[in-house]
Amino acid sequence: MLDQIMQLVKEQIGNDSAIASAIPAQQRDAVSSEIASHISDKMGAQGMGGMLSMLGGMDMNSITAGLAEKLTSKFGLPSSVTAAIIAALPGLLQKLTGKSDSNPLGGLGSKLGGLFG
């Protein structure tokens, strides 16, 4: 799962020119890795029940708690950049869970649909 999160983080950073241009090129992989590890750790701490509850409504505060501070202290990123990264996380998590407005159960819904016909 960490690889999937890492790929989505890299895509998210790459697709946002304001974020991408504010992170030095030599730090992008390390910043992406830090973000992916943070998300993975937070999701793992919530367990499977936490993952499933994310499908119904994401608790962004519990997932983003401490991330901005980590990115600032570890990489020297300005608060405007860390705020933009935090603001981009709901979209990233929606991609990760497969949740969209038209598919409220997300990836889980399509998997269940496959089981039942």
C-alpha atoms as a PDB file:
ATOM      1  CA  MET A   1       0.000   0.000   0.000  1.00  0.00           C
ATOM      2  CA  LEU A   2       2.905   2.348   0.710  1.00  0.00           C
ATOM      3  CA  ASP A   3       3.964   2.141  -2.946  1.00  0.00           C
ATOM      4  CA  GLN A   4       0.459   3.119  -4.072  1.00  0.00           C
ATOM      5  CA  ILE A   5       0.395   6.054  -1.659  1.00  0.00           C
ATOM      6  CA  MET A   6       3.879   7.115  -2.785  1.00  0.00           C
ATOM      7  CA  GLN A   7       2.818   7.090  -6.442  1.00  0.00           C
ATOM      8  CA  LEU A   8      -0.287   9.160  -5.694  1.00  0.00           C
ATOM      9  CA  VAL A   9       1.736  11.658  -3.656  1.00  0.00           C
ATOM     10  CA  LYS A  10       4.257  12.068  -6.484  1.00  0.00           C
ATOM     11  CA  GLU A  11       1.425  12.592  -8.971  1.00  0.00           C
ATOM     12  CA  GLN A  12      -0.289  15.104  -6.692  1.00  0.00           C
ATOM     13  CA  ILE A  13       2.911  17.107  -6.180  1.00  0.00           C
ATOM     14  CA  GLY A  14       3.784  16.933  -9.871  1.00  0.00           C
ATOM     15  CA  ASN A  15       0.326  18.089 -10.921  1.00  0.00           C
ATOM     16  CA  ASP A  16       0.387  21.132  -8.643  1.00  0.00           C
ATOM     17  CA  SER A  17       2.869  23.578 -10.146  1.00  0.00           C
ATOM     18  CA  ALA A  18       2.866  25.824  -7.056  1.00  0.00           C
ATOM     19  CA  ILE A  19       3.881  22.933  -4.800  1.00  0.00           C
ATOM     20  CA  ALA A  20       6.281  21.353  -7.292  1.00  0.00           C
ATOM     21  CA  SER A  21       8.132  24.605  -7.938  1.00  0.00           C
ATOM     22  CA  ALA A  22       8.488  25.327  -4.205  1.00  0.00           C
ATOM     23  CA  ILE A  23      10.161  21.990  -3.434  1.00  0.00           C
ATOM     24  CA  PRO A  24      13.775  21.771  -4.598  1.00  0.00           C
ATOM     25  CA  ALA A  25      14.142  19.048  -7.229  1.00  0.00           C
ATOM     26  CA  GLN A  26      16.696  17.135  -5.158  1.00  0.00           C
ATOM     27  CA  GLN A  27      14.197  16.968  -2.241  1.00  0.00           C
ATOM     28  CA  ARG A  28      11.031  15.957  -4.123  1.00  0.00           C
ATOM     29  CA  ASP A  29      11.469  12.212  -3.667  1.00  0.00           C
ATOM     30  CA  ALA A  30      12.316  12.607   0.018  1.00  0.00           C
ATOM     31  CA  VAL A  31       9.342  14.943   0.593  1.00  0.00           C
ATOM     32  CA  SER A  32       7.025  12.546  -1.273  1.00  0.00           C
ATOM     33  CA  SER A  33       8.352   9.650   0.776  1.00  0.00           C
ATOM     34  CA  GLU A  34       7.810  11.552   4.037  1.00  0.00           C
ATOM     35  CA  ILE A  35       4.219  12.403   3.078  1.00  0.00           C
ATOM     36  CA  ALA A  36       3.474   8.826   1.968  1.00  0.00           C
ATOM     37  CA  SER A  37       4.985   7.366   5.133  1.00  0.00           C
ATOM     38  CA  HIS A  38       3.016   9.799   7.280  1.00  0.00           C
ATOM     39  CA  ILE A  39      -0.272   8.914   5.576  1.00  0.00           C
ATOM     40  CA  SER A  40       0.485   5.200   5.729  1.00  0.00           C
ATOM     41  CA  ASP A  41       1.386   5.400   9.424  1.00  0.00           C
ATOM     42  CA  LYS A  42      -1.787   7.323  10.249  1.00  0.00           C
ATOM     43  CA  MET A  43      -3.980   4.970   8.246  1.00  0.00           C
ATOM     44  CA  GLY A  44      -2.283   1.949   9.802  1.00  0.00           C
ATOM     45  CA  ALA A  45      -2.833   3.357  13.283  1.00  0.00           C
ATOM     46  CA  GLN A  46      -6.558   3.518  12.551  1.00  0.00           C
ATOM     47  CA  GLY A  47      -6.614  -0.160  11.552  1.00  0.00           C
ATOM     48  CA  MET A  48      -9.022  -1.699   9.078  1.00  0.00           C
ATOM     49  CA  GLY A  49     -11.979  -0.069  10.808  1.00  0.00           C
ATOM     50  CA  GLY A  50     -10.332   3.295  10.261  1.00  0.00           C
ATOM     51  CA  MET A  51      -9.766   2.524   6.599  1.00  0.00           C
ATOM     52  CA  LEU A  52     -13.400   1.584   6.119  1.00  0.00           C
ATOM     53  CA  SER A  53     -14.639   4.622   8.015  1.00  0.00           C
ATOM     54  CA  MET A  54     -12.619   6.773   5.623  1.00  0.00           C
ATOM     55  CA  LEU A  55     -14.942   5.594   2.882  1.00  0.00           C
ATOM     56  CA  GLY A  56     -17.851   7.189   4.703  1.00  0.00           C
ATOM     57  CA  GLY A  57     -16.100  10.380   5.763  1.00  0.00           C
ATOM     58  CA  MET A  58     -12.437  11.132   6.088  1.00  0.00           C
ATOM     59  CA  ASP A  59     -11.095  12.488   9.346  1.00  0.00           C
ATOM     60  CA  MET A  60      -8.485  14.759   7.806  1.00  0.00           C
ATOM     61  CA  ASN A  61      -7.365  16.201  11.125  1.00  0.00           C
ATOM     62  CA  SER A  62      -6.200  12.832  12.393  1.00  0.00           C
ATOM     63  CA  ILE A  63      -4.388  12.092   9.139  1.00  0.00           C
ATOM     64  CA  THR A  64      -2.707  15.474   8.665  1.00  0.00           C
ATOM     65  CA  ALA A  65      -1.810  16.068  12.328  1.00  0.00           C
ATOM     66  CA  GLY A  66       1.891  16.832  12.580  1.00  0.00           C
ATOM     67  CA  LEU A  67       2.642  16.570   8.865  1.00  0.00           C
ATOM     68  CA  ALA A  68       3.204  20.286   8.260  1.00  0.00           C
ATOM     69  CA  GLU A  69       5.582  20.469  11.202  1.00  0.00           C
ATOM     70  CA  LYS A  70       7.531  17.433   9.935  1.00  0.00           C
ATOM     71  CA  LEU A  71       7.887  18.901   6.461  1.00  0.00           C
ATOM     72  CA  THR A  72       8.969  22.276   7.800  1.00  0.00           C
ATOM     73  CA  SER A  73      11.495  20.930  10.282  1.00  0.00           C
ATOM     74  CA  LYS A  74      12.924  18.201   8.047  1.00  0.00           C
ATOM     75  CA  PHE A  75      12.994  20.005   4.699  1.00  0.00           C
ATOM     76  CA  GLY A  76      12.692  23.697   5.563  1.00  0.00           C
ATOM     77  CA  LEU A  77       9.511  24.090   3.518  1.00  0.00           C
ATOM     78  CA  PRO A  78       7.648  27.350   4.089  1.00  0.00           C
ATOM     79  CA  SER A  79       4.242  27.235   5.736  1.00  0.00           C
ATOM     80  CA  SER A  80       2.543  28.285   2.487  1.00  0.00           C
ATOM     81  CA  VAL A  81       3.865  25.137   0.786  1.00  0.00           C
ATOM     82  CA  THR A  82       3.007  22.807   3.653  1.00  0.00           C
ATOM     83  CA  ALA A  83      -0.487  24.338   3.775  1.00  0.00           C
ATOM     84  CA  ALA A  84      -0.900  23.654   0.050  1.00  0.00           C
ATOM     85  CA  ILE A  85       0.237  20.049   0.558  1.00  0.00           C
ATOM     86  CA  ILE A  86      -2.219  19.577   3.427  1.00  0.00           C
ATOM     87  CA  ALA A  87      -4.996  21.111   1.298  1.00  0.00           C
ATOM     88  CA  ALA A  88      -4.246  18.604  -1.489  1.00  0.00           C
ATOM     89  CA  LEU A  89      -4.516  15.545   0.775  1.00  0.00           C
ATOM     90  CA  PRO A  90      -8.320  15.090   0.638  1.00  0.00           C
ATOM     91  CA  GLY A  91      -8.130  14.606  -3.136  1.00  0.00           C
ATOM     92  CA  LEU A  92      -5.231  12.221  -2.762  1.00  0.00           C
ATOM     93  CA  LEU A  93      -7.063  10.168  -0.146  1.00  0.00           C
ATOM     94  CA  GLN A  94     -10.182  10.054  -2.311  1.00  0.00           C
ATOM     95  CA  LYS A  95      -8.060   8.560  -5.092  1.00  0.00           C
ATOM     96  CA  LEU A  96      -6.504   6.108  -2.661  1.00  0.00           C
ATOM     97  CA  THR A  97      -9.824   4.873  -1.287  1.00  0.00           C
ATOM     98  CA  GLY A  98     -11.500   4.979  -4.698  1.00  0.00           C
ATOM     99  CA  LYS A  99     -14.191   7.238  -3.262  1.00  0.00           C
ATOM    100  CA  SER A 100     -16.059   9.636  -5.508  1.00  0.00           C
ATOM    101  CA  ASP A 101     -19.415  11.364  -5.396  1.00  0.00           C
ATOM    102  CA  SER A 102     -20.853   8.879  -7.886  1.00  0.00           C
ATOM    103  CA  ASN A 103     -19.453   5.861  -6.023  1.00  0.00           C
ATOM    104  CA  PRO A 104     -19.855   6.457  -2.271  1.00  0.00           C
ATOM    105  CA  LEU A 105     -18.402   3.066  -1.338  1.00  0.00           C
ATOM    106  CA  GLY A 106     -15.402   3.656  -3.557  1.00  0.00           C
ATOM    107  CA  GLY A 107     -13.074   0.787  -4.363  1.00  0.00           C
ATOM    108  CA  LEU A 108     -14.795  -1.379  -1.774  1.00  0.00           C
ATOM    109  CA  GLY A 109     -18.083  -0.974  -3.631  1.00  0.00           C
ATOM    110  CA  SER A 110     -16.615  -2.188  -6.905  1.00  0.00           C
ATOM    111  CA  LYS A 111     -14.978  -5.153  -5.171  1.00  0.00           C
ATOM    112  CA  LEU A 112     -18.279  -6.113  -3.504  1.00  0.00           C
ATOM    113  CA  GLY A 113     -20.059  -5.725  -6.829  1.00  0.00           C
ATOM    114  CA  GLY A 114     -17.602  -8.181  -8.342  1.00  0.00           C
ATOM    115  CA  LEU A 115     -18.345 -10.711  -5.620  1.00  0.00           C
ATOM    116  CA  PHE A 116     -22.097 -10.536  -6.060  1.00  0.00           C
ATOM    117  CA  GLY A 117     -22.388 -10.505  -9.803  1.00  0.00           C
END
